[in-house]
Amino acid sequence: MRIAIALAKGEDRVYPGPFGHAPRFAIYQVEGGEARLLEIRPNPYAALHGEGKHEKMRELLKDVDLKVGARFGHGGGLGAFPVAGRREVPPVGLKEVLALLLAQSTA
């Protein structure tokens, strides 16, 4: 499974705001109870509002199975990421989030 974790600028912490406003995403491949960092992907749409942002974000993260962030907007409404494909976590360090996700994937 491939996951995208919303990251704060210049820190290895979960971005505390809405997922789509995160300045970058850590993209991981999770298999066999292990997570391997594939890339840190910039979010060129972080400051964008309206103007087809949901479609642009879907395209940016089309290779990702699970979106992980502190907050998601629109509650799964029209244009938003589906609830099944996202996970809210506290704005903590990246290591804590990975440990939580890995523990749940092996449970």
N, C-alpha and C. Protein backbone atom coordinates (compact mmCIF):
# COMPACT_ATOMS: atom_id res chain seq x y z
N MET A 1 0.84 -1.16 0.00
CA MET A 1 0.00 0.00 0.00
C MET A 1 0.90 1.24 0.00
N ARG A 2 0.48 2.23 -0.76
CA ARG A 2 1.23 3.48 -0.83
C ARG A 2 0.46 4.55 -0.04
N ILE A 3 1.17 5.28 0.82
CA ILE A 3 0.53 6.31 1.63
C ILE A 3 1.20 7.66 1.42
N ALA A 4 0.41 8.72 1.62
CA ALA A 4 0.91 10.09 1.57
C ALA A 4 0.64 10.72 2.93
N ILE A 5 1.68 11.20 3.59
CA ILE A 5 1.53 11.86 4.88
C ILE A 5 1.78 13.35 4.68
N ALA A 6 0.81 14.18 5.05
CA ALA A 6 0.94 15.63 4.93
C ALA A 6 2.03 16.11 5.89
N LEU A 7 3.03 16.82 5.35
CA LEU A 7 4.15 17.27 6.17
C LEU A 7 4.19 18.79 6.30
N ALA A 8 4.58 19.24 7.49
CA ALA A 8 4.81 20.66 7.73
C ALA A 8 6.06 21.10 6.97
N LYS A 9 6.16 22.38 6.70
CA LYS A 9 7.32 22.91 5.98
C LYS A 9 8.56 22.85 6.87
N GLY A 10 9.61 22.24 6.36
CA GLY A 10 10.89 22.20 7.06
C GLY A 10 10.95 21.33 8.29
N GLU A 11 9.92 20.55 8.55
CA GLU A 11 9.89 19.67 9.72
C GLU A 11 9.42 18.29 9.32
N ASP A 12 9.82 17.30 10.09
CA ASP A 12 9.32 15.94 9.89
C ASP A 12 8.15 15.71 10.84
N ARG A 13 7.16 16.58 10.73
CA ARG A 13 5.95 16.51 11.53
C ARG A 13 4.74 16.60 10.60
N VAL A 14 3.64 16.02 11.07
CA VAL A 14 2.39 16.11 10.32
C VAL A 14 1.95 17.57 10.28
N TYR A 15 1.57 18.02 9.11
CA TYR A 15 1.07 19.38 8.93
C TYR A 15 -0.21 19.53 9.77
N PRO A 16 -0.30 20.58 10.63
CA PRO A 16 -1.44 20.69 11.54
C PRO A 16 -2.73 21.19 10.90
N GLY A 17 -2.66 21.71 9.69
CA GLY A 17 -3.84 22.24 9.02
C GLY A 17 -4.48 21.23 8.09
N PRO A 18 -5.38 21.70 7.23
CA PRO A 18 -6.05 20.81 6.28
C PRO A 18 -5.08 20.10 5.33
N PHE A 19 -5.35 18.85 5.06
CA PHE A 19 -4.48 18.01 4.24
C PHE A 19 -4.08 18.69 2.93
N GLY A 20 -5.02 19.26 2.21
CA GLY A 20 -4.75 19.86 0.92
C GLY A 20 -3.90 21.12 0.97
N HIS A 21 -3.70 21.67 2.16
CA HIS A 21 -2.89 22.88 2.32
C HIS A 21 -1.46 22.56 2.77
N ALA A 22 -1.17 21.28 2.98
CA ALA A 22 0.19 20.90 3.39
C ALA A 22 1.18 21.29 2.30
N PRO A 23 2.34 21.81 2.67
CA PRO A 23 3.33 22.21 1.66
C PRO A 23 4.00 21.05 0.95
N ARG A 24 3.94 19.86 1.55
CA ARG A 24 4.61 18.69 0.95
C ARG A 24 4.03 17.42 1.55
N PHE A 25 4.34 16.32 0.88
CA PHE A 25 3.86 15.01 1.32
C PHE A 25 5.01 14.02 1.33
N ALA A 26 5.08 13.20 2.39
CA ALA A 26 6.01 12.08 2.43
C ALA A 26 5.27 10.89 1.84
N ILE A 27 5.80 10.34 0.76
CA ILE A 27 5.17 9.20 0.09
C ILE A 27 5.93 7.94 0.50
N TYR A 28 5.20 7.00 1.10
CA TYR A 28 5.78 5.74 1.59
C TYR A 28 5.13 4.56 0.92
N GLN A 29 5.91 3.51 0.75
CA GLN A 29 5.39 2.20 0.35
C GLN A 29 5.40 1.35 1.61
N VAL A 30 4.25 0.82 1.98
CA VAL A 30 4.12 0.00 3.19
C VAL A 30 3.84 -1.44 2.77
N GLU A 31 4.74 -2.35 3.16
CA GLU A 31 4.59 -3.77 2.84
C GLU A 31 5.24 -4.60 3.93
N GLY A 32 4.62 -5.67 4.28
CA GLY A 32 5.21 -6.61 5.23
C GLY A 32 5.60 -5.99 6.55
N GLY A 33 4.81 -5.02 7.03
CA GLY A 33 5.10 -4.40 8.31
C GLY A 33 6.25 -3.40 8.27
N GLU A 34 6.67 -3.01 7.09
CA GLU A 34 7.75 -2.03 6.95
C GLU A 34 7.31 -0.90 6.03
N ALA A 35 7.85 0.29 6.31
CA ALA A 35 7.55 1.47 5.49
C ALA A 35 8.85 1.97 4.87
N ARG A 36 8.82 2.17 3.55
CA ARG A 36 10.00 2.65 2.83
C ARG A 36 9.65 3.99 2.19
N LEU A 37 10.43 5.02 2.53
CA LEU A 37 10.21 6.34 1.95
C LEU A 37 10.55 6.31 0.47
N LEU A 38 9.60 6.72 -0.37
CA LEU A 38 9.82 6.78 -1.81
C LEU A 38 10.24 8.17 -2.25
N GLU A 39 9.59 9.19 -1.68
CA GLU A 39 9.91 10.57 -2.06
C GLU A 39 9.23 11.55 -1.12
N ILE A 40 9.74 12.77 -1.12
CA ILE A 40 9.06 13.91 -0.53
C ILE A 40 8.53 14.70 -1.71
N ARG A 41 7.21 14.77 -1.82
CA ARG A 41 6.56 15.38 -2.98
C ARG A 41 6.02 16.76 -2.61
N PRO A 42 6.49 17.81 -3.28
CA PRO A 42 5.95 19.15 -3.02
C PRO A 42 4.48 19.25 -3.43
N ASN A 43 3.75 20.13 -2.76
CA ASN A 43 2.35 20.37 -3.09
C ASN A 43 2.23 21.74 -3.75
N PRO A 44 2.22 21.81 -5.07
CA PRO A 44 2.13 23.10 -5.74
C PRO A 44 0.76 23.76 -5.60
N TYR A 45 -0.20 23.05 -5.02
CA TYR A 45 -1.56 23.56 -4.89
C TYR A 45 -1.90 23.96 -3.45
N ALA A 46 -0.93 24.00 -2.56
CA ALA A 46 -1.17 24.26 -1.14
C ALA A 46 -1.96 25.54 -0.90
N ALA A 47 -1.66 26.60 -1.61
CA ALA A 47 -2.33 27.89 -1.39
C ALA A 47 -3.57 28.08 -2.26
N LEU A 48 -3.85 27.14 -3.11
CA LEU A 48 -4.97 27.26 -4.04
C LEU A 48 -6.30 27.02 -3.33
N HIS A 49 -7.30 27.80 -3.70
CA HIS A 49 -8.67 27.63 -3.18
C HIS A 49 -9.58 27.58 -4.39
N GLY A 50 -10.52 26.64 -4.40
CA GLY A 50 -11.42 26.53 -5.54
C GLY A 50 -10.64 26.18 -6.79
N GLU A 51 -10.98 26.78 -7.90
CA GLU A 51 -10.24 26.65 -9.16
C GLU A 51 -9.83 25.21 -9.48
N GLY A 52 -10.69 24.26 -9.17
CA GLY A 52 -10.39 22.87 -9.50
C GLY A 52 -9.36 22.22 -8.59
N LYS A 53 -9.21 22.75 -7.36
CA LYS A 53 -8.18 22.21 -6.46
C LYS A 53 -8.36 20.72 -6.19
N HIS A 54 -9.58 20.27 -5.97
CA HIS A 54 -9.79 18.85 -5.65
C HIS A 54 -9.32 17.95 -6.79
N GLU A 55 -9.62 18.34 -8.00
CA GLU A 55 -9.18 17.55 -9.15
C GLU A 55 -7.66 17.55 -9.27
N LYS A 56 -7.05 18.69 -9.03
CA LYS A 56 -5.58 18.79 -9.10
C LYS A 56 -4.92 17.97 -8.01
N MET A 57 -5.52 17.98 -6.82
CA MET A 57 -4.96 17.18 -5.72
C MET A 57 -5.12 15.68 -6.01
N ARG A 58 -6.27 15.29 -6.56
CA ARG A 58 -6.45 13.88 -6.93
C ARG A 58 -5.40 13.44 -7.93
N GLU A 59 -5.10 14.29 -8.90
CA GLU A 59 -4.09 13.96 -9.91
C GLU A 59 -2.70 13.88 -9.26
N LEU A 60 -2.39 14.82 -8.37
CA LEU A 60 -1.09 14.85 -7.69
C LEU A 60 -0.84 13.57 -6.90
N LEU A 61 -1.91 13.04 -6.30
CA LEU A 61 -1.78 11.88 -5.41
C LEU A 61 -2.50 10.64 -5.96
N LYS A 62 -2.60 10.54 -7.28
CA LYS A 62 -3.33 9.44 -7.89
C LYS A 62 -2.69 8.07 -7.65
N ASP A 63 -1.42 8.03 -7.30
CA ASP A 63 -0.72 6.77 -7.05
C ASP A 63 -0.74 6.37 -5.58
N VAL A 64 -1.52 7.07 -4.76
CA VAL A 64 -1.55 6.86 -3.31
C VAL A 64 -2.87 6.20 -2.90
N ASP A 65 -2.78 5.20 -2.01
CA ASP A 65 -3.95 4.48 -1.53
C ASP A 65 -4.56 5.10 -0.28
N LEU A 66 -3.72 5.71 0.57
CA LEU A 66 -4.18 6.26 1.84
C LEU A 66 -3.55 7.62 2.06
N LYS A 67 -4.41 8.62 2.36
CA LYS A 67 -3.94 9.96 2.68
C LYS A 67 -4.00 10.13 4.19
N VAL A 68 -2.90 10.62 4.79
CA VAL A 68 -2.80 10.75 6.23
C VAL A 68 -2.51 12.20 6.57
N GLY A 69 -3.34 12.79 7.43
CA GLY A 69 -3.15 14.17 7.83
C GLY A 69 -3.89 14.49 9.11
N ALA A 70 -3.67 15.70 9.62
CA ALA A 70 -4.31 16.12 10.86
C ALA A 70 -5.77 16.51 10.66
N ARG A 71 -6.08 17.06 9.47
CA ARG A 71 -7.45 17.50 9.21
C ARG A 71 -7.79 17.31 7.74
N PHE A 72 -9.04 16.95 7.50
CA PHE A 72 -9.56 16.84 6.14
C PHE A 72 -10.82 17.67 6.07
N GLY A 73 -11.02 18.37 4.97
CA GLY A 73 -12.20 19.21 4.83
C GLY A 73 -13.30 18.53 4.06
N HIS A 74 -14.44 19.16 4.06
CA HIS A 74 -15.60 18.79 3.26
C HIS A 74 -16.25 17.47 3.65
N GLY A 75 -15.78 16.77 4.66
CA GLY A 75 -16.46 15.59 5.17
C GLY A 75 -16.85 14.54 4.15
N GLY A 76 -16.05 14.39 3.10
CA GLY A 76 -16.34 13.38 2.11
C GLY A 76 -17.39 13.80 1.10
N GLY A 77 -17.70 15.09 1.06
CA GLY A 77 -18.70 15.59 0.13
C GLY A 77 -18.19 15.60 -1.30
N LEU A 78 -18.95 16.21 -2.17
CA LEU A 78 -18.62 16.28 -3.59
C LEU A 78 -17.22 16.83 -3.78
N GLY A 79 -16.36 16.09 -4.46
CA GLY A 79 -15.02 16.54 -4.77
C GLY A 79 -13.98 16.21 -3.72
N ALA A 80 -14.39 15.87 -2.53
CA ALA A 80 -13.42 15.60 -1.46
C ALA A 80 -12.87 14.18 -1.59
N PHE A 81 -11.76 13.92 -0.89
CA PHE A 81 -11.21 12.57 -0.86
C PHE A 81 -12.19 11.66 -0.15
N PRO A 82 -12.37 10.43 -0.61
CA PRO A 82 -13.29 9.52 0.07
C PRO A 82 -12.82 9.21 1.48
N VAL A 83 -13.76 9.05 2.40
CA VAL A 83 -13.44 8.79 3.80
C VAL A 83 -12.61 7.52 3.93
N ALA A 84 -12.90 6.49 3.16
CA ALA A 84 -12.18 5.22 3.26
C ALA A 84 -10.71 5.37 2.89
N GLY A 85 -10.34 6.38 2.14
CA GLY A 85 -8.97 6.54 1.69
C GLY A 85 -8.17 7.57 2.46
N ARG A 86 -8.63 7.88 3.69
CA ARG A 86 -7.91 8.88 4.47
C ARG A 86 -7.90 8.52 5.95
N ARG A 87 -6.96 9.08 6.65
CA ARG A 87 -6.82 8.79 8.09
C ARG A 87 -6.37 10.06 8.79
N GLU A 88 -7.11 10.48 9.80
CA GLU A 88 -6.72 11.64 10.60
C GLU A 88 -5.85 11.18 11.76
N VAL A 89 -4.77 11.92 11.98
CA VAL A 89 -3.83 11.65 13.07
C VAL A 89 -3.47 12.99 13.72
N PRO A 90 -2.97 12.97 14.94
CA PRO A 90 -2.54 14.23 15.55
C PRO A 90 -1.32 14.79 14.82
N PRO A 91 -1.07 16.11 14.93
CA PRO A 91 0.10 16.69 14.27
C PRO A 91 1.39 16.39 15.05
N VAL A 92 1.78 15.14 15.02
CA VAL A 92 2.97 14.68 15.75
C VAL A 92 4.09 14.39 14.76
N GLY A 93 5.19 13.88 15.26
CA GLY A 93 6.33 13.56 14.42
C GLY A 93 6.05 12.41 13.45
N LEU A 94 6.79 12.41 12.37
CA LEU A 94 6.63 11.41 11.33
C LEU A 94 6.88 9.99 11.87
N LYS A 95 7.86 9.84 12.75
CA LYS A 95 8.15 8.51 13.31
C LYS A 95 6.97 7.95 14.10
N GLU A 96 6.30 8.84 14.86
CA GLU A 96 5.14 8.39 15.64
C GLU A 96 3.99 7.95 14.73
N VAL A 97 3.78 8.70 13.65
CA VAL A 97 2.71 8.35 12.72
C VAL A 97 3.00 7.03 12.03
N LEU A 98 4.23 6.84 11.58
CA LEU A 98 4.59 5.58 10.92
C LEU A 98 4.44 4.41 11.88
N ALA A 99 4.85 4.57 13.14
CA ALA A 99 4.71 3.50 14.12
C ALA A 99 3.23 3.15 14.32
N LEU A 100 2.37 4.16 14.39
CA LEU A 100 0.93 3.93 14.54
C LEU A 100 0.36 3.19 13.34
N LEU A 101 0.70 3.63 12.14
CA LEU A 101 0.18 3.00 10.93
C LEU A 101 0.67 1.56 10.78
N LEU A 102 1.95 1.34 11.09
CA LEU A 102 2.50 -0.01 10.97
C LEU A 102 1.89 -0.95 12.00
N ALA A 103 1.67 -0.46 13.21
CA ALA A 103 1.07 -1.29 14.25
C ALA A 103 -0.35 -1.71 13.83
N GLN A 104 -1.07 -0.80 13.21
CA GLN A 104 -2.44 -1.11 12.81
C GLN A 104 -2.48 -2.00 11.57
N SER A 105 -1.47 -1.89 10.72
CA SER A 105 -1.48 -2.73 9.51
C SER A 105 -1.12 -4.17 9.80
N THR A 106 -0.45 -4.42 10.93
CA THR A 106 -0.08 -5.79 11.28
C THR A 106 -1.03 -6.39 12.29
N ALA A 107 -1.96 -5.58 12.82
CA ALA A 107 -2.91 -6.07 13.84
C ALA A 107 -4.01 -6.87 13.22
